[in-house]
Amino acid sequence: MGLRVLSALDGAKIQYYHFKAIIIAGMGLFTDAYDLFCIPPIMKLLGRVYYEDNPHDKYQIPQVVLATMLGTVLLGTVIGQLVFGILGDRMGRRRVYGISLMLMVLSSVGCGFSICRTKTCVLVSLGFFRFFLGLGIGGDYPLSATIMSEFANKNTRGAFIAAVFSMQGLGILASSMVTMVVSKTFEAAASKKLSHDHTPEDADIAWRLILMLGAVPAGLTYYWRMMMPETARYTALVENNALQAARDMEKVLDVSIFQIAEDDPMQQPQNPSSYPLISMQFLRVHGIDLFSCATTWLLLDIAFYSSSLFQSQIYRKNLHLQDTNVYNEAFKVAFFQTMVAIAATIPGYWFTVYFIDRIGRKKIQMMGFLCMGIVYFAIGIPYHYWRTHENKGFLVLYGLTFFFANFGPNTTTFIVPAELFPARFRSTCHGISGAMGKVGAFFGTLGFLWATKNNDPRIKAMRIALVSLGGICLLGMAVTYLFTRETNGRSLEENEKEKENSELRFFRCLMDADRHPKTSVPEEEIAL
């Protein structure tokens, strides 16, 4: 673990390549957010195109169809995080990195080219391609976080990983702006024959175009992603080739590490512990860390994705979507998303970028969970009042849930798993943690659909749902306080060594106590 090549990386100054890596790694998350958050206006367009003759609720997509469309991409994401996380540790980060991005690009284009134009055929085809889109999205999470953590120095590592994740905010903004531009363009072209009770045929092209345009930025960065070298930590610690790691880093970083590694008597790393992922030793050393990362991500995504879906109810009350044409309806939904992104979502990301290495991951995560819980209680307990009165205070509170999610656990749950685990398990454990998060997102989706059954929000059900989300956030804060370790200011190897030494000292104390039962064990050693 004492390789000088890794010490040189930890002490490297901020350089051009760090920012280039943020863009390259972040573009996958940009595409993730674009594809996930363009769905609310897309669902409005699909409802207008394919459910114009719906006898029960005109223009409204049945909730079973909506749940299926949302569930397929989340299922794909869960599988993608697990599979690509494992492959990232076994085959190398770079080798599978391009695959996940290309899968996203091709699937985005496939969503737009969903076969035929009959309702059933289009929805089945769209669900098929969105499943594979989810695979690519899921694969990008552990790989992007792991690569950025292994390239960064220890003093600014949190800010760099947070900056990668903040590309999601730009993806949300881009999806909304593209939707607004496309909607206004089609509306202007069909202005003479538009009415609120008729959907023009061109609307079937509009939603396809919005989906396909999301593939453009990701496709443009594919070449640069393929040109990235393997991370030095993977090459040195997993492949046991410190010289190659030095050569790779000299290509991209202005750090004199090749000569250091060549003169280093420890060119090859000491053999790391050989215990496998599925073993009692892994559970003893890293089980609590994995439990903490997976559980906090699970709890966060239940609340975060419920908030995202909750927007549709705000649209109906505050944006007056009735008696408007198809393009104007999609425009209003996208416009509202833009305002939330600019006022709350994006600032939350960048507050984390600025404060993450100053305050620390654990404090920010606890603060975010606490503030989210308070806001959910403030929305949920007097929900009858908010529902029956148009009040800007409600929109402010709603925006705060996104601000404190991003200046809080939505960002930190992405960062911490990339810092806690050994190099040979890092991508896999990040994938497991993220997969648990998307399981939470799935249940959050189902809970929201239950609370808004038949598109007629039941005040009692919504109050229960919102207050429950507040309780979930407080539980997330408690789990963070009890089980999450702070990783700020230490190298990745120091985090691993600290945990393994702690476990070793603890069991040594127990063994000494067994040999000398009359001798008390010092409290300081037990605390370790």
Protein backbone atom coordinates (compact mmCIF):
# COMPACT_ATOMS: atom_id res chain seq x y z
CA MET A 1 0.00 0.00 0.00
CA GLY A 2 3.01 2.26 0.45
CA LEU A 3 3.72 2.76 -3.23
CA ARG A 4 5.18 6.15 -3.98
CA VAL A 5 3.27 6.29 -7.24
CA LEU A 6 0.05 6.45 -5.23
CA SER A 7 1.50 9.01 -2.84
CA ALA A 8 2.40 11.13 -5.85
CA LEU A 9 -1.19 10.93 -7.04
CA ASP A 10 -2.50 11.91 -3.61
CA GLY A 11 -0.24 14.95 -3.57
CA ALA A 12 -0.69 16.00 -7.20
CA LYS A 13 -1.79 19.58 -7.78
CA ILE A 14 -5.04 20.34 -9.58
CA GLN A 15 -4.33 20.10 -13.31
CA TYR A 16 -6.05 20.39 -16.67
CA TYR A 17 -6.61 16.64 -16.90
CA HIS A 18 -8.62 16.62 -13.67
CA PHE A 19 -11.15 18.96 -15.26
CA LYS A 20 -11.08 16.97 -18.48
CA ALA A 21 -11.80 13.80 -16.51
CA ILE A 22 -14.73 15.53 -14.80
CA ILE A 23 -16.28 16.30 -18.21
CA ILE A 24 -15.57 12.84 -19.65
CA ALA A 25 -16.86 10.96 -16.60
CA GLY A 26 -19.67 13.44 -15.97
CA MET A 27 -21.12 13.22 -19.46
CA GLY A 28 -22.47 9.77 -18.68
CA LEU A 29 -24.30 11.19 -15.65
CA PHE A 30 -25.45 14.11 -17.81
CA THR A 31 -27.06 11.57 -20.15
CA ASP A 32 -28.47 9.62 -17.20
CA ALA A 33 -30.29 12.68 -15.90
CA TYR A 34 -31.43 13.77 -19.34
CA ASP A 35 -33.02 10.40 -20.07
CA LEU A 36 -34.60 10.01 -16.63
CA PHE A 37 -35.96 13.53 -16.21
CA CYS A 38 -37.27 14.09 -19.73
CA ILE A 39 -39.91 11.47 -18.97
CA PRO A 40 -42.53 13.73 -17.26
CA PRO A 41 -43.10 15.89 -20.40
CA ILE A 42 -42.67 12.81 -22.62
CA MET A 43 -45.49 11.12 -20.70
CA LYS A 44 -47.69 14.15 -21.38
CA LEU A 45 -46.96 13.87 -25.11
CA LEU A 46 -47.54 10.11 -25.13
CA GLY A 47 -50.82 10.55 -23.30
CA ARG A 48 -51.97 13.09 -25.88
CA VAL A 49 -50.89 10.97 -28.85
CA TYR A 50 -51.98 7.50 -27.78
CA TYR A 51 -54.72 8.07 -25.19
CA GLU A 52 -56.79 10.73 -26.91
CA ASP A 53 -59.75 8.33 -27.02
CA ASN A 54 -59.31 6.98 -23.49
CA PRO A 55 -62.93 6.59 -22.27
CA HIS A 56 -62.05 6.80 -18.55
CA ASP A 57 -59.65 9.75 -18.46
CA LYS A 58 -58.84 11.50 -21.72
CA TYR A 59 -55.13 11.97 -22.44
CA GLN A 60 -54.09 10.23 -19.23
CA ILE A 61 -51.79 7.20 -19.38
CA PRO A 62 -53.08 4.38 -17.14
CA GLN A 63 -51.03 4.05 -14.00
CA VAL A 64 -50.14 0.43 -14.69
CA VAL A 65 -48.55 1.55 -17.97
CA LEU A 66 -46.80 4.45 -16.26
CA ALA A 67 -45.47 2.15 -13.51
CA THR A 68 -44.21 -0.30 -16.13
CA MET A 69 -42.42 2.43 -18.10
CA LEU A 70 -40.74 3.74 -14.96
CA GLY A 71 -40.06 0.28 -13.56
CA THR A 72 -38.27 -1.08 -16.64
CA VAL A 73 -35.57 1.59 -16.59
CA LEU A 74 -35.10 1.18 -12.82
CA LEU A 75 -34.84 -2.60 -13.18
CA GLY A 76 -32.24 -2.14 -15.91
CA THR A 77 -30.34 0.29 -13.69
CA VAL A 78 -30.22 -2.18 -10.78
CA ILE A 79 -28.86 -4.93 -13.03
CA GLY A 80 -26.43 -2.56 -14.73
CA GLN A 81 -24.96 -1.35 -11.45
CA LEU A 82 -24.38 -4.88 -10.22
CA VAL A 83 -23.00 -6.30 -13.49
CA PHE A 84 -20.81 -3.36 -14.53
CA GLY A 85 -19.65 -2.88 -10.94
CA ILE A 86 -18.31 -6.44 -10.87
CA LEU A 87 -16.80 -6.13 -14.36
CA GLY A 88 -15.10 -2.90 -13.37
CA ASP A 89 -13.16 -4.74 -10.67
CA ARG A 90 -12.43 -7.84 -12.72
CA MET A 91 -11.68 -6.44 -16.17
CA GLY A 92 -10.58 -2.92 -15.31
CA ARG A 93 -12.45 0.37 -15.17
CA ARG A 94 -11.47 1.61 -18.63
CA ARG A 95 -12.26 -1.60 -20.51
CA VAL A 96 -15.95 -1.56 -19.61
CA TYR A 97 -16.37 2.21 -19.30
CA GLY A 98 -17.02 2.77 -22.98
CA ILE A 99 -19.51 -0.09 -23.14
CA SER A 100 -21.87 1.55 -20.66
CA LEU A 101 -21.75 4.88 -22.51
CA MET A 102 -22.35 3.29 -25.91
CA LEU A 103 -25.23 1.30 -24.47
CA MET A 104 -26.82 4.56 -23.31
CA VAL A 105 -26.30 6.24 -26.67
CA LEU A 106 -27.73 3.37 -28.73
CA SER A 107 -30.65 2.86 -26.36
CA SER A 108 -31.55 6.58 -26.43
CA VAL A 109 -31.65 6.46 -30.21
CA GLY A 110 -33.62 3.21 -30.04
CA CYS A 111 -36.22 4.84 -27.76
CA GLY A 112 -36.81 7.46 -30.44
CA PHE A 113 -37.08 4.86 -33.17
CA SER A 114 -39.59 2.73 -31.21
CA ILE A 115 -41.08 0.46 -33.82
CA CYS A 116 -44.42 1.14 -35.54
CA ARG A 117 -47.05 3.62 -34.41
CA THR A 118 -49.76 1.57 -32.78
CA LYS A 119 -50.15 2.15 -29.07
CA THR A 120 -49.25 -1.32 -27.81
CA CYS A 121 -46.33 -1.77 -30.16
CA VAL A 122 -44.82 1.62 -29.38
CA LEU A 123 -45.07 1.20 -25.62
CA VAL A 124 -43.60 -2.31 -25.66
CA SER A 125 -40.74 -1.17 -27.88
CA LEU A 126 -40.13 1.92 -25.75
CA GLY A 127 -40.07 -0.19 -22.59
CA PHE A 128 -37.61 -2.61 -24.24
CA PHE A 129 -35.14 0.11 -25.18
CA ARG A 130 -35.52 1.87 -21.84
CA PHE A 131 -34.55 -1.34 -20.06
CA PHE A 132 -31.24 -1.36 -21.96
CA LEU A 133 -30.92 2.36 -21.33
CA GLY A 134 -31.17 1.52 -17.64
CA LEU A 135 -28.37 -1.04 -18.01
CA GLY A 136 -26.10 1.66 -19.40
CA ILE A 137 -27.14 4.19 -16.77
CA GLY A 138 -26.55 1.67 -14.00
CA GLY A 139 -23.12 0.77 -15.35
CA ASP A 140 -22.04 4.38 -15.47
CA TYR A 141 -22.59 5.04 -11.76
CA PRO A 142 -19.90 2.79 -10.19
CA LEU A 143 -17.42 3.31 -13.02
CA SER A 144 -17.61 7.12 -13.06
CA ALA A 145 -17.34 7.42 -9.28
CA THR A 146 -14.50 4.90 -9.02
CA ILE A 147 -12.46 6.37 -11.87
CA MET A 148 -12.73 9.92 -10.54
CA SER A 149 -11.88 8.85 -6.99
CA GLU A 150 -8.79 7.00 -8.19
CA PHE A 151 -7.55 9.89 -10.36
CA ALA A 152 -8.07 12.64 -7.76
CA ASN A 153 -5.75 13.79 -5.00
CA LYS A 154 -6.86 13.28 -1.41
CA ASN A 155 -7.47 16.95 -0.59
CA THR A 156 -9.89 17.71 -3.45
CA ARG A 157 -11.20 14.22 -4.16
CA GLY A 158 -14.67 14.93 -2.76
CA ALA A 159 -15.05 18.09 -4.83
CA PHE A 160 -14.00 16.29 -8.01
CA ILE A 161 -16.43 13.39 -7.51
CA ALA A 162 -19.19 15.83 -6.58
CA ALA A 163 -18.43 17.84 -9.73
CA VAL A 164 -18.84 14.68 -11.81
CA PHE A 165 -22.17 14.00 -10.13
CA SER A 166 -23.25 17.64 -10.58
CA MET A 167 -23.40 17.01 -14.32
CA GLN A 168 -26.76 15.44 -13.51
CA GLY A 169 -28.10 18.92 -12.77
CA LEU A 170 -26.98 20.13 -16.20
CA GLY A 171 -28.58 17.05 -17.74
CA ILE A 172 -31.91 17.86 -16.05
CA LEU A 173 -31.65 21.45 -17.28
CA ALA A 174 -30.73 20.34 -20.80
CA SER A 175 -33.64 17.89 -21.03
CA SER A 176 -36.09 20.59 -19.99
CA MET A 177 -34.67 23.20 -22.35
CA VAL A 178 -34.61 20.79 -25.30
CA THR A 179 -38.23 19.88 -24.56
CA MET A 180 -39.22 23.56 -24.48
CA VAL A 181 -37.44 24.33 -27.76
CA VAL A 182 -38.89 21.29 -29.53
CA SER A 183 -42.38 22.01 -28.20
CA LYS A 184 -42.33 25.65 -29.30
CA THR A 185 -40.90 24.73 -32.70
CA PHE A 186 -43.62 22.18 -33.38
CA GLU A 187 -46.27 24.49 -31.96
CA ALA A 188 -45.22 27.29 -34.31
CA ALA A 189 -45.25 24.93 -37.30
CA ALA A 190 -48.78 23.71 -36.49
CA SER A 191 -50.25 26.89 -35.00
CA LYS A 192 -53.14 27.17 -37.45
CA LYS A 193 -54.58 23.71 -36.74
CA LEU A 194 -53.87 23.41 -33.01
CA SER A 195 -56.58 23.08 -30.39
CA HIS A 196 -56.71 21.83 -26.82
CA ASP A 197 -58.90 18.86 -27.74
CA HIS A 198 -57.00 17.61 -30.79
CA THR A 199 -53.49 16.18 -31.06
CA PRO A 200 -51.66 16.68 -34.38
CA GLU A 201 -49.77 13.74 -35.88
CA ASP A 202 -46.49 15.63 -35.62
CA ALA A 203 -46.61 15.25 -31.84
CA ASP A 204 -45.58 11.63 -32.34
CA ILE A 205 -42.32 12.91 -33.84
CA ALA A 206 -41.71 15.50 -31.11
CA TRP A 207 -41.27 13.06 -28.21
CA ARG A 208 -39.02 10.81 -30.31
CA LEU A 209 -36.81 13.75 -31.21
CA ILE A 210 -36.48 14.81 -27.56
CA LEU A 211 -35.31 11.33 -26.57
CA MET A 212 -32.81 10.97 -29.41
CA LEU A 213 -31.18 14.37 -28.87
CA GLY A 214 -30.07 13.17 -25.44
CA ALA A 215 -27.61 10.80 -27.11
CA VAL A 216 -25.65 13.58 -28.83
CA PRO A 217 -23.45 14.90 -25.96
CA ALA A 218 -22.65 11.41 -24.70
CA GLY A 219 -21.75 10.23 -28.19
CA LEU A 220 -19.37 13.17 -28.63
CA THR A 221 -17.36 12.13 -25.55
CA TYR A 222 -17.11 8.43 -26.45
CA TYR A 223 -13.72 8.80 -28.14
CA TRP A 224 -12.20 10.62 -25.15
CA ARG A 225 -13.57 7.99 -22.79
CA MET A 226 -11.87 5.28 -24.80
CA MET A 227 -8.57 7.22 -24.74
CA MET A 228 -8.50 7.45 -20.95
CA PRO A 229 -5.76 5.29 -19.39
CA GLU A 230 -6.55 2.75 -16.73
CA THR A 231 -6.41 4.27 -13.26
CA ALA A 232 -3.07 3.98 -11.50
CA ARG A 233 -4.62 2.46 -8.42
CA TYR A 234 -6.25 -0.37 -10.35
CA THR A 235 -3.05 -1.08 -12.30
CA ALA A 236 -0.82 -0.95 -9.24
CA LEU A 237 -3.02 -2.55 -6.59
CA VAL A 238 -5.13 -5.03 -8.56
CA GLU A 239 -2.91 -5.86 -11.55
CA ASN A 240 0.28 -5.46 -9.42
CA ASN A 241 2.09 -3.39 -12.05
CA ALA A 242 3.38 -0.16 -10.51
CA LEU A 243 5.63 0.69 -13.45
CA GLN A 244 2.74 0.55 -15.91
CA ALA A 245 0.67 2.66 -13.54
CA ALA A 246 3.46 5.27 -13.54
CA ARG A 247 3.66 5.23 -17.33
CA ASP A 248 -0.11 5.68 -17.65
CA MET A 249 -0.22 8.59 -15.24
CA GLU A 250 2.70 10.37 -16.93
CA LYS A 251 0.61 10.47 -20.11
CA VAL A 252 -2.09 12.59 -18.53
CA LEU A 253 -0.75 14.21 -15.34
CA ASP A 254 2.18 16.55 -14.89
CA VAL A 255 3.62 14.53 -12.04
CA SER A 256 7.13 13.04 -11.96
CA ILE A 257 6.10 9.61 -10.84
CA PHE A 258 7.81 7.38 -13.39
CA GLN A 259 11.30 7.95 -12.02
CA ILE A 260 9.96 7.71 -8.47
CA ALA A 261 8.40 4.35 -9.20
CA GLU A 262 11.53 3.13 -11.00
CA ASP A 263 13.78 3.96 -8.04
CA ASP A 264 11.28 2.75 -5.47
CA PRO A 265 12.41 -0.51 -3.81
CA MET A 266 8.67 -1.29 -3.43
CA GLN A 267 7.85 -1.16 -7.16
CA GLN A 268 5.39 -3.97 -6.71
CA PRO A 269 2.81 -3.56 -3.99
CA GLN A 270 2.73 -5.82 -1.02
CA ASN A 271 0.33 -8.66 -1.57
CA PRO A 272 -3.07 -7.39 -0.48
CA SER A 273 -5.31 -9.43 1.73
CA SER A 274 -6.61 -12.28 -0.36
CA TYR A 275 -10.05 -12.65 1.18
CA PRO A 276 -12.88 -12.65 -1.40
CA LEU A 277 -15.91 -10.41 -1.45
CA ILE A 278 -18.21 -13.15 -0.20
CA SER A 279 -16.42 -14.11 3.00
CA MET A 280 -16.69 -13.67 6.74
CA GLN A 281 -13.51 -11.59 6.77
CA PHE A 282 -14.98 -9.11 4.29
CA LEU A 283 -18.09 -8.87 6.46
CA ARG A 284 -15.99 -8.25 9.57
CA VAL A 285 -13.84 -5.58 7.93
CA HIS A 286 -16.23 -3.91 5.48
CA GLY A 287 -19.69 -5.23 6.28
CA ILE A 288 -20.76 -2.18 8.29
CA ASP A 289 -19.46 0.16 5.57
CA LEU A 290 -21.42 -1.69 2.89
CA PHE A 291 -24.54 -1.75 5.06
CA SER A 292 -24.25 1.99 5.68
CA CYS A 293 -23.71 2.90 2.02
CA ALA A 294 -26.48 0.63 0.72
CA THR A 295 -29.03 1.57 3.39
CA THR A 296 -28.56 5.34 3.16
CA TRP A 297 -28.77 5.18 -0.65
CA LEU A 298 -31.92 3.05 -0.40
CA LEU A 299 -33.60 5.51 1.97
CA LEU A 300 -32.49 8.54 -0.06
CA ASP A 301 -33.84 7.24 -3.36
CA ILE A 302 -37.22 6.37 -1.85
CA ALA A 303 -37.61 10.05 -0.98
CA PHE A 304 -35.79 11.56 -3.97
CA TYR A 305 -37.66 9.69 -6.69
CA SER A 306 -40.97 10.20 -4.93
CA SER A 307 -40.24 13.95 -4.99
CA SER A 308 -39.45 13.81 -8.67
CA LEU A 309 -42.73 12.09 -9.48
CA PHE A 310 -44.61 14.40 -7.14
CA GLN A 311 -44.02 17.22 -9.64
CA SER A 312 -46.95 16.08 -11.77
CA GLN A 313 -49.36 16.95 -8.96
CA ILE A 314 -47.85 20.42 -8.63
CA TYR A 315 -48.24 20.95 -12.36
CA ARG A 316 -51.94 20.24 -12.20
CA LYS A 317 -52.62 22.73 -9.42
CA ASN A 318 -50.21 25.54 -10.22
CA LEU A 319 -49.59 25.41 -13.95
CA HIS A 320 -53.19 25.15 -15.21
CA LEU A 321 -52.60 22.40 -17.77
CA GLN A 322 -56.24 21.99 -18.64
CA ASP A 323 -57.59 23.52 -21.84
CA THR A 324 -54.21 23.85 -23.51
CA ASN A 325 -52.72 22.22 -26.59
CA VAL A 326 -50.31 19.30 -26.53
CA TYR A 327 -47.13 21.30 -27.11
CA ASN A 328 -47.99 23.99 -24.59
CA GLU A 329 -48.69 21.33 -21.97
CA ALA A 330 -45.27 19.72 -22.51
CA PHE A 331 -43.68 23.18 -22.51
CA LYS A 332 -45.22 24.11 -19.15
CA VAL A 333 -44.07 20.86 -17.54
CA ALA A 334 -40.54 21.34 -18.89
CA PHE A 335 -40.53 25.02 -17.88
CA PHE A 336 -41.40 24.12 -14.31
CA GLN A 337 -38.61 21.54 -14.24
CA THR A 338 -36.23 24.21 -15.53
CA MET A 339 -37.16 26.60 -12.75
CA VAL A 340 -36.70 23.90 -10.10
CA ALA A 341 -33.33 22.94 -11.60
CA ILE A 342 -32.04 26.54 -11.71
CA ALA A 343 -33.39 27.59 -8.32
CA ALA A 344 -32.79 24.44 -6.26
CA THR A 345 -31.27 21.40 -7.97
CA ILE A 346 -28.12 22.87 -9.54
CA PRO A 347 -27.26 25.16 -6.57
CA GLY A 348 -27.53 22.12 -4.29
CA TYR A 349 -24.96 20.23 -6.35
CA TRP A 350 -22.49 23.10 -6.37
CA PHE A 351 -22.89 23.84 -2.67
CA THR A 352 -21.68 20.27 -2.16
CA VAL A 353 -18.75 20.76 -4.55
CA TYR A 354 -17.64 23.79 -2.53
CA PHE A 355 -18.20 22.46 0.99
CA ILE A 356 -17.58 18.69 0.69
CA ASP A 357 -13.84 18.87 1.46
CA ARG A 358 -14.32 21.61 4.06
CA ILE A 359 -17.18 20.19 6.12
CA GLY A 360 -16.87 16.49 5.35
CA ARG A 361 -19.17 13.87 3.84
CA LYS A 362 -20.84 12.66 7.02
CA LYS A 363 -21.93 16.07 8.28
CA ILE A 364 -23.33 17.11 4.90
CA GLN A 365 -25.22 13.83 4.57
CA MET A 366 -26.75 14.13 8.04
CA MET A 367 -27.65 17.78 7.48
CA GLY A 368 -29.30 16.99 4.13
CA PHE A 369 -31.37 14.14 5.54
CA LEU A 370 -32.47 16.27 8.51
CA CYS A 371 -33.51 19.26 6.38
CA MET A 372 -35.32 17.05 3.87
CA GLY A 373 -37.25 15.42 6.72
CA ILE A 374 -38.26 18.79 8.17
CA VAL A 375 -39.44 20.03 4.76
CA TYR A 376 -41.47 16.86 4.11
CA PHE A 377 -43.19 17.30 7.46
CA ALA A 378 -43.87 20.96 6.61
CA ILE A 379 -45.47 19.89 3.32
CA GLY A 380 -47.22 16.75 4.53
CA ILE A 381 -48.80 17.64 7.86
CA PRO A 382 -50.79 20.65 6.52
CA TYR A 383 -51.25 19.03 3.10
CA HIS A 384 -54.99 19.78 3.08
CA TYR A 385 -54.19 23.50 3.23
CA TRP A 386 -51.53 23.30 0.51
CA ARG A 387 -53.85 21.29 -1.73
CA THR A 388 -56.80 23.63 -1.45
CA HIS A 389 -54.88 26.94 -1.73
CA GLU A 390 -52.54 28.22 -4.39
CA ASN A 391 -49.55 29.28 -2.34
CA LYS A 392 -46.00 30.08 -3.44
CA GLY A 393 -44.76 28.88 -0.08
CA PHE A 394 -45.60 25.34 -1.12
CA LEU A 395 -43.43 25.65 -4.25
CA VAL A 396 -40.56 27.05 -2.17
CA LEU A 397 -40.75 24.13 0.24
CA TYR A 398 -40.95 21.69 -2.63
CA GLY A 399 -37.81 23.21 -4.18
CA LEU A 400 -35.99 22.90 -0.87
CA THR A 401 -36.39 19.12 -0.96
CA PHE A 402 -34.26 19.08 -4.12
CA PHE A 403 -31.74 21.58 -2.76
CA PHE A 404 -31.09 19.61 0.42
CA ALA A 405 -31.15 16.29 -1.42
CA ASN A 406 -28.30 17.48 -3.64
CA PHE A 407 -26.55 19.49 -0.92
CA GLY A 408 -26.79 16.32 1.07
CA PRO A 409 -27.33 12.58 0.61
CA ASN A 410 -28.07 12.48 -3.13
CA THR A 411 -24.46 13.54 -3.75
CA THR A 412 -22.69 12.05 -0.74
CA THR A 413 -24.17 8.57 -1.24
CA PHE A 414 -22.51 8.66 -4.68
CA ILE A 415 -19.17 9.77 -3.22
CA VAL A 416 -18.68 7.70 -0.06
CA PRO A 417 -18.80 4.16 -1.60
CA ALA A 418 -16.02 5.19 -3.99
CA GLU A 419 -13.76 6.03 -1.03
CA LEU A 420 -14.33 3.35 1.61
CA PHE A 421 -13.51 0.04 -0.05
CA PRO A 422 -10.28 -1.61 -1.29
CA ALA A 423 -9.40 -1.15 -4.96
CA ARG A 424 -10.26 -4.75 -5.82
CA PHE A 425 -13.81 -4.33 -4.40
CA ARG A 426 -14.39 -0.61 -4.97
CA SER A 427 -16.49 -0.73 -8.14
CA THR A 428 -18.45 -3.79 -7.02
CA CYS A 429 -19.38 -2.30 -3.64
CA HIS A 430 -20.36 0.99 -5.26
CA GLY A 431 -22.57 -0.97 -7.66
CA ILE A 432 -24.21 -2.89 -4.79
CA SER A 433 -24.89 0.35 -2.91
CA GLY A 434 -26.32 2.06 -5.99
CA ALA A 435 -28.45 -0.97 -6.86
CA MET A 436 -30.03 -0.83 -3.42
CA GLY A 437 -30.77 2.83 -4.08
CA LYS A 438 -32.64 2.04 -7.27
CA VAL A 439 -34.61 -0.65 -5.42
CA GLY A 440 -35.65 2.18 -3.10
CA ALA A 441 -36.54 4.30 -6.12
CA PHE A 442 -38.80 1.52 -7.37
CA PHE A 443 -40.67 1.28 -4.09
CA GLY A 444 -40.86 5.06 -3.88
CA THR A 445 -42.45 5.04 -7.32
CA LEU A 446 -45.02 2.45 -6.30
CA GLY A 447 -45.82 4.36 -3.12
CA PHE A 448 -46.38 7.56 -5.05
CA LEU A 449 -48.65 5.84 -7.57
CA TRP A 450 -50.67 4.40 -4.69
CA ALA A 451 -51.01 7.85 -3.12
CA THR A 452 -52.27 9.34 -6.42
CA LYS A 453 -54.49 6.49 -7.50
CA ASN A 454 -56.77 7.21 -10.46
CA ASN A 455 -55.07 10.61 -10.96
CA ASP A 456 -57.17 12.03 -8.13
CA PRO A 457 -54.80 12.78 -5.25
CA ARG A 458 -56.33 11.64 -2.01
CA ILE A 459 -55.46 14.14 0.66
CA LYS A 460 -55.23 11.56 3.44
CA ALA A 461 -53.06 9.22 1.35
CA MET A 462 -50.75 12.03 0.23
CA ARG A 463 -50.38 13.27 3.80
CA ILE A 464 -49.40 9.76 4.92
CA ALA A 465 -46.97 9.43 2.02
CA LEU A 466 -45.26 12.78 2.63
CA VAL A 467 -45.01 12.34 6.40
CA SER A 468 -43.60 8.85 5.79
CA LEU A 469 -40.94 10.36 3.52
CA GLY A 470 -40.02 12.71 6.35
CA GLY A 471 -39.63 9.74 8.68
CA ILE A 472 -37.51 7.92 6.10
CA CYS A 473 -35.18 10.93 5.89
CA LEU A 474 -34.76 11.03 9.66
CA LEU A 475 -33.99 7.30 9.61
CA GLY A 476 -31.35 8.02 6.96
CA MET A 477 -29.80 10.62 9.25
CA ALA A 478 -29.71 8.10 12.11
CA VAL A 479 -28.06 5.42 9.96
CA THR A 480 -25.48 7.97 8.79
CA TYR A 481 -24.69 9.04 12.36
CA LEU A 482 -24.36 5.48 13.66
CA PHE A 483 -22.62 3.65 10.83
CA THR A 484 -21.05 6.00 8.24
CA ARG A 485 -17.32 6.69 8.48
CA GLU A 486 -15.83 10.05 7.52
CA THR A 487 -13.41 9.75 4.56
CA ASN A 488 -12.47 13.40 4.22
CA GLY A 489 -8.78 14.35 3.89
CA ARG A 490 -7.38 10.81 3.76
CA SER A 491 -6.12 8.78 0.82
CA LEU A 492 -8.11 5.80 -0.37
CA GLU A 493 -5.43 3.48 0.98
CA GLU A 494 -5.50 5.18 4.40
CA ASN A 495 -9.26 4.64 4.61
CA GLU A 496 -8.79 0.93 3.87
CA LYS A 497 -5.79 0.55 6.20
CA GLU A 498 -7.59 2.32 9.04
CA LYS A 499 -10.50 -0.08 8.84
CA GLU A 500 -8.39 -3.23 8.56
CA ASN A 501 -6.12 -2.12 11.43
CA SER A 502 -9.17 -1.33 13.54
CA GLU A 503 -10.55 -4.81 12.94
CA LEU A 504 -7.17 -6.40 13.69
CA ARG A 505 -6.74 -4.45 16.94
CA PHE A 506 -10.25 -5.28 18.07
CA PHE A 507 -9.77 -9.03 17.69
CA ARG A 508 -6.33 -8.79 19.25
CA CYS A 509 -7.93 -7.19 22.29
CA LEU A 510 -10.44 -10.04 22.49
CA MET A 511 -7.68 -12.64 22.25
CA ASP A 512 -5.66 -10.92 24.98
CA ALA A 513 -8.75 -10.79 27.19
CA ASP A 514 -9.25 -14.54 26.74
CA ARG A 515 -5.64 -15.27 27.67
CA HIS A 516 -5.68 -12.95 30.68
CA PRO A 517 -9.27 -12.88 31.94
CA LYS A 518 -8.36 -10.90 35.06
CA THR A 519 -6.73 -8.13 33.05
CA SER A 520 -9.13 -5.48 31.87
CA VAL A 521 -8.93 -4.35 28.26
CA PRO A 522 -8.10 -0.64 27.91
CA GLU A 523 -11.09 1.37 26.79
CA GLU A 524 -9.04 3.14 24.10
CA GLU A 525 -8.24 -0.14 22.36
CA ILE A 526 -11.85 -1.32 22.45
CA ALA A 527 -12.89 1.97 20.88
CA LEU A 528 -10.50 1.28 18.05
